Amino acid sequence: MTSSEARHLLWLLTIVDDRGKLGRFLAGTIDGPVTLLHKAGWLATARHDAGIVFWSGGAFVATVLTWRPDGVGSSGDVLAGRVAAKALRRFR
């Protein structure tokens, strides 16, 4: 993979429109801008999100994978948001 291809893939992660998972609670967690590059996915029984959270103090990777045989619903999304917000508060 070339550096140009890598930059393109990172750009693709910036335009993901699903802010209801890792990005759910990031706004207002700290002063200053927070940028999320991520890839979310879901099925009836699973909801996942993995990404990189950038803020003025650095960056970290967050991944939340949820599964339940009878379906996860939005509880998996809320869990992902809580994990990312808690990690951001901890690392800052």
Protein backbone atom coordinates (compact mmCIF):
# COMPACT_ATOMS: atom_id res chain seq x y z
CA MET A 1 0.00 0.00 0.00
CA THR A 2 1.34 3.40 -0.89
CA SER A 3 1.19 6.38 1.45
CA SER A 4 -1.31 7.99 -0.94
CA GLU A 5 -3.57 4.93 -0.69
CA ALA A 6 -3.27 4.96 3.11
CA ARG A 7 -4.27 8.64 3.24
CA HIS A 8 -7.25 7.87 1.02
CA LEU A 9 -8.38 5.06 3.33
CA LEU A 10 -8.07 7.35 6.37
CA TRP A 11 -10.10 9.98 4.54
CA LEU A 12 -12.82 7.40 3.86
CA LEU A 13 -13.01 6.76 7.61
CA THR A 14 -13.57 10.48 8.25
CA ILE A 15 -16.74 10.58 6.14
CA VAL A 16 -18.56 7.68 7.81
CA ASP A 17 -22.00 9.10 8.57
CA ASP A 18 -22.83 6.81 11.53
CA ARG A 19 -22.21 8.92 14.66
CA GLY A 20 -24.52 6.87 16.88
CA LYS A 21 -21.90 4.41 18.10
CA LEU A 22 -18.35 5.48 19.11
CA GLY A 23 -19.16 9.11 18.33
CA ARG A 24 -22.41 9.17 20.30
CA PHE A 25 -21.06 10.93 23.42
CA LEU A 26 -17.73 12.42 22.24
CA ALA A 27 -19.01 15.96 21.65
CA GLY A 28 -18.77 17.90 24.87
CA THR A 29 -16.57 15.29 26.57
CA ILE A 30 -13.59 17.66 26.55
CA ASP A 31 -12.87 21.24 25.51
CA GLY A 32 -11.73 21.52 21.94
CA PRO A 33 -12.39 19.52 18.81
CA VAL A 34 -12.57 15.73 18.72
CA THR A 35 -12.26 13.87 15.42
CA LEU A 36 -13.40 10.29 14.94
CA LEU A 37 -12.22 8.08 12.07
CA HIS A 38 -14.16 4.84 12.23
CA LYS A 39 -15.92 1.95 10.53
CA ALA A 40 -19.21 0.81 11.98
CA GLY A 41 -21.15 -2.30 11.12
CA TRP A 42 -24.28 -4.10 12.21
CA LEU A 43 -26.46 -7.13 11.66
CA ALA A 44 -29.57 -8.22 13.52
CA THR A 45 -27.47 -10.00 16.15
CA ALA A 46 -24.33 -7.83 16.22
CA ARG A 47 -23.31 -4.18 16.32
CA HIS A 48 -19.66 -3.17 16.00
CA ASP A 49 -17.57 -0.03 15.70
CA ALA A 50 -13.81 0.47 15.54
CA GLY A 51 -11.94 3.70 15.08
CA ILE A 52 -9.32 6.24 16.00
CA VAL A 53 -10.25 9.18 18.24
CA PHE A 54 -8.09 12.30 17.81
CA TRP A 55 -8.06 15.32 20.11
CA SER A 56 -5.53 18.03 20.92
CA GLY A 57 -3.79 15.78 23.46
CA GLY A 58 -3.28 12.76 21.23
CA ALA A 59 -5.15 9.80 19.83
CA PHE A 60 -6.34 6.34 20.81
CA VAL A 61 -7.98 3.35 19.15
CA ALA A 62 -11.38 2.20 20.38
CA THR A 63 -13.16 -0.99 19.32
CA VAL A 64 -16.47 -2.27 20.63
CA LEU A 65 -17.97 -5.53 19.35
CA THR A 66 -21.35 -6.68 20.67
CA TRP A 67 -23.35 -9.81 19.95
CA ARG A 68 -26.44 -11.48 21.34
CA PRO A 69 -28.28 -14.36 19.63
CA ASP A 70 -31.68 -12.68 20.02
CA GLY A 71 -30.40 -9.29 18.79
CA VAL A 72 -28.46 -6.40 20.24
CA GLY A 73 -30.57 -3.42 19.26
CA SER A 74 -29.38 0.06 20.11
CA SER A 75 -27.85 -1.05 23.44
CA GLY A 76 -24.67 -1.99 21.55
CA ASP A 77 -24.51 1.52 20.08
CA VAL A 78 -24.90 3.12 23.50
CA LEU A 79 -22.18 0.87 24.94
CA ALA A 80 -19.78 1.90 22.15
CA GLY A 81 -20.47 5.57 22.85
CA ARG A 82 -19.89 5.13 26.57
CA VAL A 83 -16.62 3.25 26.01
CA ALA A 84 -15.24 5.97 23.68
CA ALA A 85 -16.29 8.83 25.98
CA LYS A 86 -14.88 7.13 29.07
CA ALA A 87 -11.58 6.41 27.28
CA LEU A 88 -11.31 10.01 26.11
CA ARG A 89 -11.87 11.33 29.64
CA ARG A 90 -9.29 8.86 30.97
CA PHE A 91 -6.58 9.58 28.40
CA ARG A 92 -6.89 13.35 28.45
